[in-house]
Amino acid sequence: MSRRRGGTLCLFLLISICIPDRGSSAVTDDVYNLIIPAGESYTLQDRHVYSNAIRIDGVLQVVPYNGTSGTGSVELAAPTMVVGSAGSINAQAKGYGAGQGPGAGASGNNGSGGGHGGFGGISPISSGGSAYGSLLAPVNLGSGGGSGLGVTGGAGGGAVRLDISGLLQIDGKITNVNAKSIKKP
């Protein structure tokens, strides 16, 4: 619609702006956005690039390492990313399995912890797993702990990489620690 006022042309425009409904319970995962609403859990592995934004108010689970490329880790790239206060990215125990990986813990009477950016935890009779990768900029999967009498070592932590060119706001949590050993039945 337009209207002339003296020598001035006035244009009245209708502009539509689409903003994802935060009340929606459906996960959105397309080339533009990754949106995980509160109460939802969604699983990813490998690299994902979004041209608009990432919003996590629920849980993003990383696929556990199973020997195939891309498992045990997730890499997210976008201009903007917000992890809400109830949101989380979970890579806990998604790395190498018990006794596996380049810094695997020793197995025996007493198992020891798996290494990664530093040496794994020692036991009374076993040294910890070897250090590998970077302590300050870790990108590798964590190695699994060694098994002992009556317990199976825990899996190492997975890897999470965030490549965000603009706003990065994390009010929730990102976990990528190893699992505790599990008592054998």
N, C-alpha and C. Protein backbone atom coordinates (compact mmCIF):
# COMPACT_ATOMS: atom_id res chain seq x y z
N MET A 1 0.85 -1.15 0.00
CA MET A 1 0.00 0.00 0.00
C MET A 1 0.91 1.23 0.00
N SER A 2 0.56 2.23 -0.74
CA SER A 2 1.34 3.46 -0.77
C SER A 2 0.41 4.67 -0.73
N ARG A 3 0.95 5.78 -0.31
CA ARG A 3 0.18 7.01 -0.23
C ARG A 3 1.15 8.17 -0.47
N ARG A 4 0.72 9.16 -1.22
CA ARG A 4 1.55 10.34 -1.48
C ARG A 4 1.18 11.44 -0.50
N ARG A 5 2.21 12.05 0.07
CA ARG A 5 2.04 13.20 0.94
C ARG A 5 2.95 14.29 0.41
N GLY A 6 2.41 15.22 -0.25
CA GLY A 6 3.23 16.26 -0.86
C GLY A 6 4.18 15.62 -1.86
N GLY A 7 5.50 15.85 -1.72
CA GLY A 7 6.49 15.25 -2.61
C GLY A 7 7.06 13.96 -2.08
N THR A 8 6.47 13.40 -1.02
CA THR A 8 7.00 12.18 -0.40
C THR A 8 6.08 11.00 -0.67
N LEU A 9 6.69 9.89 -1.09
CA LEU A 9 5.95 8.64 -1.29
C LEU A 9 6.12 7.81 -0.03
N CYS A 10 5.04 7.47 0.61
CA CYS A 10 5.08 6.65 1.82
C CYS A 10 4.68 5.23 1.46
N LEU A 11 5.52 4.27 1.81
CA LEU A 11 5.21 2.86 1.57
C LEU A 11 4.93 2.19 2.91
N PHE A 12 3.86 1.44 2.97
CA PHE A 12 3.52 0.67 4.15
C PHE A 12 3.73 -0.79 3.81
N LEU A 13 4.71 -1.42 4.46
CA LEU A 13 5.09 -2.78 4.12
C LEU A 13 4.68 -3.74 5.25
N LEU A 14 4.31 -4.92 4.86
CA LEU A 14 4.04 -5.98 5.81
C LEU A 14 5.26 -6.89 5.81
N ILE A 15 5.91 -7.01 6.94
CA ILE A 15 7.11 -7.83 7.03
C ILE A 15 6.79 -9.03 7.93
N SER A 16 7.13 -10.22 7.44
CA SER A 16 6.94 -11.44 8.23
C SER A 16 8.29 -11.90 8.77
N ILE A 17 8.35 -12.13 10.04
CA ILE A 17 9.54 -12.68 10.67
C ILE A 17 9.12 -13.97 11.35
N CYS A 18 9.80 -15.06 11.04
CA CYS A 18 9.47 -16.36 11.62
C CYS A 18 10.46 -16.68 12.73
N ILE A 19 9.96 -16.89 13.91
CA ILE A 19 10.76 -17.26 15.06
C ILE A 19 10.24 -18.59 15.55
N PRO A 20 11.15 -19.59 15.74
CA PRO A 20 10.68 -20.89 16.20
C PRO A 20 9.91 -20.78 17.50
N ASP A 21 8.82 -21.50 17.59
CA ASP A 21 7.97 -21.52 18.78
C ASP A 21 8.66 -22.32 19.87
N ARG A 22 9.10 -21.66 20.94
CA ARG A 22 9.79 -22.36 22.02
C ARG A 22 8.85 -23.26 22.79
N GLY A 23 7.55 -23.13 22.58
CA GLY A 23 6.59 -23.99 23.25
C GLY A 23 6.39 -25.30 22.50
N SER A 24 6.96 -25.39 21.32
CA SER A 24 6.82 -26.60 20.51
C SER A 24 7.61 -27.74 21.14
N SER A 25 7.10 -28.95 21.02
CA SER A 25 7.80 -30.10 21.58
C SER A 25 8.54 -30.89 20.51
N ALA A 26 8.52 -30.44 19.28
CA ALA A 26 9.19 -31.17 18.20
C ALA A 26 10.62 -30.65 18.03
N VAL A 27 11.54 -31.57 17.81
CA VAL A 27 12.92 -31.21 17.53
C VAL A 27 13.01 -30.75 16.08
N THR A 28 13.75 -29.68 15.84
CA THR A 28 14.01 -29.19 14.49
C THR A 28 15.48 -29.44 14.19
N ASP A 29 15.76 -30.15 13.10
CA ASP A 29 17.13 -30.38 12.65
C ASP A 29 17.13 -30.29 11.13
N ASP A 30 17.47 -29.12 10.62
CA ASP A 30 17.54 -28.92 9.18
C ASP A 30 18.81 -28.11 8.89
N VAL A 31 19.01 -27.68 7.67
CA VAL A 31 20.24 -26.96 7.32
C VAL A 31 20.31 -25.59 7.99
N TYR A 32 19.19 -25.08 8.49
CA TYR A 32 19.14 -23.75 9.10
C TYR A 32 19.32 -23.79 10.62
N ASN A 33 18.60 -24.67 11.29
CA ASN A 33 18.54 -24.67 12.75
C ASN A 33 18.59 -26.07 13.33
N LEU A 34 19.15 -26.13 14.54
CA LEU A 34 18.98 -27.29 15.41
C LEU A 34 18.30 -26.74 16.65
N ILE A 35 17.08 -27.18 16.91
CA ILE A 35 16.32 -26.73 18.08
C ILE A 35 15.85 -27.96 18.83
N ILE A 36 16.30 -28.09 20.08
CA ILE A 36 15.89 -29.20 20.94
C ILE A 36 15.13 -28.60 22.11
N PRO A 37 13.80 -28.70 22.11
CA PRO A 37 12.99 -28.10 23.18
C PRO A 37 13.19 -28.80 24.53
N ALA A 38 12.82 -28.12 25.59
CA ALA A 38 12.87 -28.69 26.94
C ALA A 38 12.06 -29.98 26.97
N GLY A 39 12.58 -30.96 27.67
CA GLY A 39 11.90 -32.24 27.80
C GLY A 39 12.18 -33.21 26.66
N GLU A 40 12.88 -32.77 25.63
CA GLU A 40 13.20 -33.63 24.49
C GLU A 40 14.66 -34.07 24.55
N SER A 41 14.93 -35.26 24.02
CA SER A 41 16.28 -35.78 23.90
C SER A 41 16.51 -36.11 22.43
N TYR A 42 17.69 -35.76 21.92
CA TYR A 42 18.01 -35.95 20.50
C TYR A 42 19.44 -36.45 20.42
N THR A 43 19.72 -37.34 19.48
CA THR A 43 21.04 -37.96 19.37
C THR A 43 21.70 -37.61 18.05
N LEU A 44 22.99 -37.22 18.13
CA LEU A 44 23.78 -36.88 16.94
C LEU A 44 25.18 -37.47 17.05
N GLN A 45 25.84 -37.55 15.92
CA GLN A 45 27.26 -37.90 15.86
C GLN A 45 27.87 -37.15 14.68
N ASP A 46 29.18 -37.01 14.69
CA ASP A 46 29.94 -36.43 13.58
C ASP A 46 29.70 -34.92 13.47
N ARG A 47 29.94 -34.34 12.30
CA ARG A 47 29.87 -32.88 12.08
C ARG A 47 28.51 -32.46 11.52
N HIS A 48 27.98 -31.35 12.07
CA HIS A 48 26.71 -30.78 11.61
C HIS A 48 26.87 -29.26 11.52
N VAL A 49 26.50 -28.70 10.36
CA VAL A 49 26.63 -27.27 10.12
C VAL A 49 25.24 -26.68 9.92
N TYR A 50 24.94 -25.60 10.65
CA TYR A 50 23.65 -24.92 10.57
C TYR A 50 23.89 -23.47 10.16
N SER A 51 23.09 -22.98 9.23
CA SER A 51 23.31 -21.62 8.72
C SER A 51 22.69 -20.53 9.58
N ASN A 52 21.84 -20.89 10.53
CA ASN A 52 21.18 -19.89 11.36
C ASN A 52 21.57 -20.02 12.84
N ALA A 53 21.03 -21.00 13.54
CA ALA A 53 21.25 -21.06 14.98
C ALA A 53 21.07 -22.46 15.55
N ILE A 54 21.63 -22.65 16.74
CA ILE A 54 21.44 -23.86 17.53
C ILE A 54 20.86 -23.41 18.87
N ARG A 55 19.78 -24.05 19.29
CA ARG A 55 19.16 -23.76 20.58
C ARG A 55 18.88 -25.10 21.26
N ILE A 56 19.48 -25.33 22.43
CA ILE A 56 19.30 -26.59 23.14
C ILE A 56 18.71 -26.29 24.51
N ASP A 57 17.44 -26.66 24.70
CA ASP A 57 16.78 -26.55 26.00
C ASP A 57 16.51 -27.94 26.57
N GLY A 58 16.68 -28.97 25.75
CA GLY A 58 16.55 -30.36 26.16
C GLY A 58 17.94 -30.98 26.26
N VAL A 59 18.06 -32.25 25.81
CA VAL A 59 19.33 -32.97 25.91
C VAL A 59 19.79 -33.40 24.52
N LEU A 60 21.03 -33.05 24.19
CA LEU A 60 21.67 -33.55 22.98
C LEU A 60 22.61 -34.67 23.41
N GLN A 61 22.31 -35.90 22.99
CA GLN A 61 23.11 -37.07 23.31
C GLN A 61 24.09 -37.34 22.18
N VAL A 62 25.33 -37.68 22.50
CA VAL A 62 26.33 -38.08 21.52
C VAL A 62 26.27 -39.59 21.37
N VAL A 63 26.31 -40.09 20.13
CA VAL A 63 26.31 -41.53 19.87
C VAL A 63 27.61 -42.12 20.45
N PRO A 64 27.53 -43.18 21.26
CA PRO A 64 28.74 -43.78 21.83
C PRO A 64 29.67 -44.32 20.74
N TYR A 65 30.98 -44.27 21.01
CA TYR A 65 31.96 -44.79 20.07
C TYR A 65 31.74 -46.29 19.89
N ASN A 66 31.68 -46.73 18.63
CA ASN A 66 31.49 -48.15 18.34
C ASN A 66 32.48 -48.66 17.31
N GLY A 67 33.56 -47.94 17.12
CA GLY A 67 34.59 -48.36 16.17
C GLY A 67 34.44 -47.74 14.79
N THR A 68 33.32 -47.09 14.53
CA THR A 68 33.13 -46.46 13.22
C THR A 68 33.38 -44.96 13.31
N SER A 69 33.81 -44.39 12.20
CA SER A 69 34.15 -42.97 12.13
C SER A 69 32.96 -42.09 12.52
N GLY A 70 33.24 -41.06 13.31
CA GLY A 70 32.21 -40.09 13.70
C GLY A 70 31.46 -40.44 14.96
N THR A 71 31.55 -41.68 15.42
CA THR A 71 30.85 -42.03 16.67
C THR A 71 31.71 -41.59 17.86
N GLY A 72 31.05 -41.33 18.97
CA GLY A 72 31.75 -40.88 20.18
C GLY A 72 32.00 -39.39 20.21
N SER A 73 31.66 -38.71 19.11
CA SER A 73 31.92 -37.27 19.07
C SER A 73 30.85 -36.55 18.28
N VAL A 74 30.76 -35.23 18.53
CA VAL A 74 29.88 -34.38 17.75
C VAL A 74 30.58 -33.03 17.58
N GLU A 75 30.45 -32.48 16.37
CA GLU A 75 30.97 -31.14 16.08
C GLU A 75 29.81 -30.32 15.55
N LEU A 76 29.55 -29.20 16.18
CA LEU A 76 28.44 -28.33 15.81
C LEU A 76 28.98 -26.98 15.35
N ALA A 77 28.51 -26.52 14.19
CA ALA A 77 28.93 -25.23 13.66
C ALA A 77 27.69 -24.41 13.32
N ALA A 78 27.71 -23.13 13.73
CA ALA A 78 26.60 -22.21 13.46
C ALA A 78 27.04 -20.80 13.83
N PRO A 79 26.32 -19.79 13.34
CA PRO A 79 26.62 -18.42 13.76
C PRO A 79 26.27 -18.16 15.23
N THR A 80 25.23 -18.81 15.73
CA THR A 80 24.75 -18.57 17.09
C THR A 80 24.40 -19.89 17.76
N MET A 81 24.75 -20.00 19.05
CA MET A 81 24.37 -21.19 19.81
C MET A 81 24.03 -20.80 21.24
N VAL A 82 22.89 -21.32 21.71
CA VAL A 82 22.46 -21.10 23.10
C VAL A 82 22.09 -22.46 23.69
N VAL A 83 22.70 -22.76 24.83
CA VAL A 83 22.30 -23.93 25.62
C VAL A 83 21.59 -23.36 26.84
N GLY A 84 20.27 -23.53 26.90
CA GLY A 84 19.47 -23.00 28.00
C GLY A 84 19.84 -23.60 29.34
N SER A 85 19.34 -23.02 30.42
CA SER A 85 19.71 -23.46 31.76
C SER A 85 19.36 -24.92 32.04
N ALA A 86 18.33 -25.46 31.39
CA ALA A 86 17.97 -26.87 31.56
C ALA A 86 18.53 -27.73 30.43
N GLY A 87 19.23 -27.11 29.49
CA GLY A 87 19.77 -27.84 28.34
C GLY A 87 21.12 -28.46 28.63
N SER A 88 21.46 -29.51 27.87
CA SER A 88 22.76 -30.15 28.05
C SER A 88 23.20 -30.88 26.79
N ILE A 89 24.51 -31.01 26.68
CA ILE A 89 25.13 -31.86 25.66
C ILE A 89 25.83 -32.96 26.43
N ASN A 90 25.48 -34.21 26.18
CA ASN A 90 25.98 -35.32 26.96
C ASN A 90 26.89 -36.21 26.13
N ALA A 91 28.20 -36.14 26.42
CA ALA A 91 29.19 -37.03 25.80
C ALA A 91 29.85 -37.90 26.87
N GLN A 92 29.20 -37.97 28.04
CA GLN A 92 29.74 -38.75 29.15
C GLN A 92 29.79 -40.23 28.80
N ALA A 93 30.97 -40.83 28.95
CA ALA A 93 31.19 -42.25 28.69
C ALA A 93 30.88 -42.64 27.24
N LYS A 94 31.07 -41.71 26.31
CA LYS A 94 30.80 -41.99 24.89
C LYS A 94 32.08 -42.25 24.12
N GLY A 95 33.24 -42.26 24.80
CA GLY A 95 34.54 -42.49 24.17
C GLY A 95 34.85 -43.98 24.06
N TYR A 96 36.15 -44.30 24.09
CA TYR A 96 36.58 -45.69 23.99
C TYR A 96 36.02 -46.52 25.15
N GLY A 97 35.72 -47.78 24.88
CA GLY A 97 35.18 -48.68 25.90
C GLY A 97 36.24 -49.10 26.90
N ALA A 98 35.83 -49.88 27.90
CA ALA A 98 36.72 -50.35 28.96
C ALA A 98 37.97 -51.00 28.38
N GLY A 99 39.14 -50.56 28.86
CA GLY A 99 40.40 -51.14 28.43
C GLY A 99 40.78 -50.85 26.98
N GLN A 100 40.12 -49.89 26.34
CA GLN A 100 40.40 -49.58 24.93
C GLN A 100 40.87 -48.14 24.78
N GLY A 101 41.54 -47.89 23.66
CA GLY A 101 42.02 -46.54 23.34
C GLY A 101 43.51 -46.41 23.53
N PRO A 102 44.08 -45.33 22.98
CA PRO A 102 45.53 -45.13 23.04
C PRO A 102 46.08 -44.92 24.45
N GLY A 103 45.24 -44.58 25.40
CA GLY A 103 45.67 -44.40 26.79
C GLY A 103 44.88 -45.29 27.73
N ALA A 104 44.55 -46.50 27.27
CA ALA A 104 43.72 -47.41 28.06
C ALA A 104 44.34 -47.69 29.42
N GLY A 105 43.48 -47.77 30.43
CA GLY A 105 43.94 -48.13 31.76
C GLY A 105 44.35 -49.60 31.81
N ALA A 106 45.24 -49.92 32.73
CA ALA A 106 45.72 -51.29 32.89
C ALA A 106 44.64 -52.15 33.56
N SER A 107 44.53 -53.39 33.11
CA SER A 107 43.61 -54.35 33.72
C SER A 107 44.41 -55.36 34.51
N GLY A 108 43.83 -55.93 35.52
CA GLY A 108 44.50 -56.92 36.37
C GLY A 108 43.75 -57.01 37.67
N ASN A 109 44.48 -57.30 38.77
CA ASN A 109 43.83 -57.38 40.07
C ASN A 109 43.15 -56.05 40.41
N ASN A 110 43.83 -54.95 40.12
CA ASN A 110 43.29 -53.61 40.34
C ASN A 110 43.42 -52.84 39.03
N GLY A 111 42.32 -52.45 38.45
CA GLY A 111 42.38 -51.67 37.21
C GLY A 111 42.79 -50.24 37.49
N SER A 112 43.26 -49.56 36.43
CA SER A 112 43.62 -48.15 36.58
C SER A 112 42.82 -47.32 35.58
N GLY A 113 42.88 -46.02 35.76
CA GLY A 113 42.10 -45.11 34.93
C GLY A 113 42.69 -44.90 33.54
N GLY A 114 41.82 -44.62 32.58
CA GLY A 114 42.26 -44.32 31.22
C GLY A 114 42.79 -42.90 31.12
N GLY A 115 43.75 -42.69 30.23
CA GLY A 115 44.33 -41.37 30.03
C GLY A 115 43.69 -40.64 28.88
N HIS A 116 44.09 -39.39 28.72
CA HIS A 116 43.73 -38.56 27.55
C HIS A 116 44.68 -37.38 27.55
N GLY A 117 44.23 -36.19 27.91
CA GLY A 117 45.12 -35.03 27.96
C GLY A 117 46.14 -35.13 29.07
N GLY A 118 45.95 -36.03 29.97
CA GLY A 118 46.87 -36.30 31.07
C GLY A 118 46.87 -37.79 31.34
N PHE A 119 47.71 -38.23 32.27
CA PHE A 119 47.78 -39.66 32.61
C PHE A 119 46.52 -40.09 33.35
N GLY A 120 46.12 -41.34 33.17
CA GLY A 120 44.97 -41.89 33.88
C GLY A 120 45.31 -42.14 35.34
N GLY A 121 44.28 -42.30 36.15
CA GLY A 121 44.46 -42.54 37.58
C GLY A 121 45.14 -43.86 37.86
N ILE A 122 45.99 -43.87 38.89
CA ILE A 122 46.71 -45.09 39.25
C ILE A 122 45.91 -45.91 40.25
N SER A 123 46.24 -47.20 40.32
CA SER A 123 45.68 -48.07 41.36
C SER A 123 46.85 -48.50 42.24
N PRO A 124 46.60 -49.23 43.32
CA PRO A 124 47.72 -49.64 44.19
C PRO A 124 48.82 -50.42 43.46
N ILE A 125 48.47 -51.12 42.37
CA ILE A 125 49.51 -51.92 41.71
C ILE A 125 49.60 -51.67 40.20
N SER A 126 48.81 -50.74 39.65
CA SER A 126 48.83 -50.48 38.21
C SER A 126 48.98 -48.99 37.94
N SER A 127 49.84 -48.68 36.96
CA SER A 127 49.95 -47.26 36.57
C SER A 127 48.76 -46.89 35.69
N GLY A 128 48.48 -45.61 35.64
CA GLY A 128 47.36 -45.12 34.84
C GLY A 128 47.67 -45.16 33.35
N GLY A 129 46.64 -45.00 32.54
CA GLY A 129 46.81 -44.99 31.10
C GLY A 129 47.67 -43.83 30.64
N SER A 130 48.28 -43.97 29.47
CA SER A 130 49.19 -42.96 28.93
C SER A 130 48.45 -41.69 28.54
N ALA A 131 49.17 -40.56 28.64
CA ALA A 131 48.64 -39.27 28.18
C ALA A 131 48.78 -39.20 26.67
N TYR A 132 47.82 -38.61 26.01
CA TYR A 132 47.87 -38.36 24.56
C TYR A 132 46.96 -37.19 24.25
N GLY A 133 47.10 -36.62 23.09
CA GLY A 133 46.28 -35.47 22.74
C GLY A 133 46.72 -34.24 23.50
N SER A 134 45.88 -33.25 23.54
CA SER A 134 46.20 -31.97 24.16
C SER A 134 45.41 -31.76 25.44
N LEU A 135 46.11 -31.32 26.48
CA LEU A 135 45.46 -30.99 27.73
C LEU A 135 44.65 -29.69 27.59
N LEU A 136 45.18 -28.73 26.82
CA LEU A 136 44.53 -27.42 26.70
C LEU A 136 43.49 -27.34 25.59
N ALA A 137 43.62 -28.16 24.56
CA ALA A 137 42.67 -28.15 23.44
C ALA A 137 42.33 -29.59 23.05
N PRO A 138 41.64 -30.32 23.93
CA PRO A 138 41.38 -31.74 23.64
C PRO A 138 40.38 -31.93 22.50
N VAL A 139 40.70 -32.83 21.60
CA VAL A 139 39.80 -33.15 20.49
C VAL A 139 39.61 -34.65 20.32
N ASN A 140 40.38 -35.46 21.06
CA ASN A 140 40.31 -36.91 20.95
C ASN A 140 39.30 -37.49 21.92
N LEU A 141 38.89 -38.72 21.64
CA LEU A 141 38.05 -39.46 22.57
C LEU A 141 38.88 -39.87 23.78
N GLY A 142 38.24 -39.96 24.94
CA GLY A 142 38.92 -40.44 26.13
C GLY A 142 39.02 -41.96 26.10
N SER A 143 40.11 -42.48 26.66
CA SER A 143 40.32 -43.93 26.72
C SER A 143 39.58 -44.53 27.89
N GLY A 144 39.23 -45.81 27.76
CA GLY A 144 38.52 -46.51 28.82
C GLY A 144 39.44 -46.94 29.94
N GLY A 145 38.88 -47.05 31.13
CA GLY A 145 39.64 -47.51 32.29
C GLY A 145 39.83 -49.02 32.25
N GLY A 146 40.84 -49.48 32.97
CA GLY A 146 41.12 -50.91 33.03
C GLY A 146 40.18 -51.63 33.99
N SER A 147 40.01 -52.91 33.76
CA SER A 147 39.15 -53.74 34.62
C SER A 147 39.98 -54.34 35.74
N GLY A 148 39.33 -54.62 36.86
CA GLY A 148 39.99 -55.25 37.99
C GLY A 148 39.15 -56.44 38.44
N LEU A 149 39.55 -57.06 39.54
CA LEU A 149 38.81 -58.19 40.06
C LEU A 149 37.40 -57.75 40.46
N GLY A 150 36.41 -58.29 39.83
CA GLY A 150 35.02 -57.99 40.17
C GLY A 150 34.46 -56.72 39.57
N VAL A 151 35.25 -55.95 38.81
CA VAL A 151 34.74 -54.72 38.20
C VAL A 151 35.21 -54.61 36.74
N THR A 152 34.36 -54.01 35.93
CA THR A 152 34.69 -53.71 34.54
C THR A 152 35.01 -52.23 34.46
N GLY A 153 36.09 -51.88 33.79
CA GLY A 153 36.47 -50.48 33.66
C GLY A 153 35.40 -49.67 32.95
N GLY A 154 35.36 -48.39 33.22
CA GLY A 154 34.38 -47.51 32.59
C GLY A 154 34.86 -46.99 31.25
N ALA A 155 33.92 -46.59 30.40
CA ALA A 155 34.25 -46.01 29.10
C ALA A 155 34.81 -44.60 29.28
N GLY A 156 35.64 -44.18 28.34
CA GLY A 156 36.19 -42.82 28.36
C GLY A 156 35.15 -41.80 27.90
N GLY A 157 35.45 -40.55 28.09
CA GLY A 157 34.55 -39.48 27.68
C GLY A 157 34.58 -39.26 26.18
N GLY A 158 33.47 -38.81 25.63
CA GLY A 158 33.38 -38.49 24.21
C GLY A 158 33.96 -37.12 23.92
N ALA A 159 33.87 -36.69 22.67
CA ALA A 159 34.43 -35.40 22.26
C ALA A 159 33.32 -34.49 21.76
N VAL A 160 33.36 -33.22 22.16
CA VAL A 160 32.40 -32.21 21.71
C VAL A 160 33.21 -31.03 21.20
N ARG A 161 32.95 -30.63 19.96
CA ARG A 161 33.61 -29.45 19.39
C ARG A 161 32.54 -28.47 18.94
N LEU A 162 32.70 -27.21 19.35
CA LEU A 162 31.76 -26.16 18.98
C LEU A 162 32.50 -25.13 18.12
N ASP A 163 32.00 -24.90 16.93
CA ASP A 163 32.57 -23.92 16.01
C ASP A 163 31.50 -22.85 15.77
N ILE A 164 31.46 -21.86 16.67
CA ILE A 164 30.42 -20.84 16.67
C ILE A 164 31.06 -19.50 16.32
N SER A 165 30.59 -18.89 15.23
CA SER A 165 31.21 -17.65 14.74
C SER A 165 30.71 -16.39 15.45
N GLY A 166 29.57 -16.46 16.12
CA GLY A 166 29.01 -15.29 16.80
C GLY A 166 28.74 -15.59 18.26
N LEU A 167 27.50 -15.39 18.69
CA LEU A 167 27.10 -15.58 20.08
C LEU A 167 27.16 -17.04 20.49
N LEU A 168 27.86 -17.31 21.59
CA LEU A 168 27.86 -18.63 22.23
C LEU A 168 27.49 -18.39 23.68
N GLN A 169 26.32 -18.91 24.08
CA GLN A 169 25.83 -18.73 25.45
C GLN A 169 25.50 -20.10 26.01
N ILE A 170 26.22 -20.48 27.07
CA ILE A 170 25.99 -21.79 27.70
C ILE A 170 25.55 -21.56 29.14
N ASP A 171 24.25 -21.70 29.37
CA ASP A 171 23.70 -21.60 30.72
C ASP A 171 23.48 -23.00 31.29
N GLY A 172 23.45 -24.01 30.45
CA GLY A 172 23.27 -25.40 30.85
C GLY A 172 24.62 -26.06 31.06
N LYS A 173 24.77 -27.31 30.61
CA LYS A 173 26.03 -28.01 30.85
C LYS A 173 26.44 -28.87 29.66
N ILE A 174 27.74 -29.09 29.58
CA ILE A 174 28.33 -30.00 28.60
C ILE A 174 29.14 -31.00 29.41
N THR A 175 28.81 -32.29 29.30
CA THR A 175 29.54 -33.31 30.06
C THR A 175 30.24 -34.25 29.09
N ASN A 176 31.51 -34.54 29.37
CA ASN A 176 32.24 -35.48 28.55
C ASN A 176 33.26 -36.24 29.38
N VAL A 177 32.91 -36.55 30.59
CA VAL A 177 33.79 -37.28 31.49
C VAL A 177 33.66 -38.79 31.26
N ASN A 178 34.55 -39.53 31.89
CA ASN A 178 34.50 -41.00 31.78
C ASN A 178 33.43 -41.57 32.70
N ALA A 179 33.15 -42.84 32.50
CA ALA A 179 32.19 -43.54 33.37
C ALA A 179 32.94 -44.20 34.51
N LYS A 180 32.27 -44.42 35.62
CA LYS A 180 32.84 -45.15 36.74
C LYS A 180 32.88 -46.64 36.38
N SER A 181 33.75 -47.37 37.04
CA SER A 181 33.80 -48.81 36.81
C SER A 181 32.50 -49.45 37.29
N ILE A 182 32.18 -50.59 36.71
CA ILE A 182 30.92 -51.27 37.00
C ILE A 182 31.19 -52.61 37.66
N LYS A 183 30.56 -52.85 38.79
CA LYS A 183 30.74 -54.10 39.50
C LYS A 183 30.16 -55.25 38.69
N LYS A 184 30.96 -56.30 38.52
CA LYS A 184 30.50 -57.47 37.76
C LYS A 184 29.50 -58.26 38.59
N PRO A 185 28.47 -58.82 37.94
CA PRO A 185 27.47 -59.59 38.69
C PRO A 185 28.03 -60.88 39.25
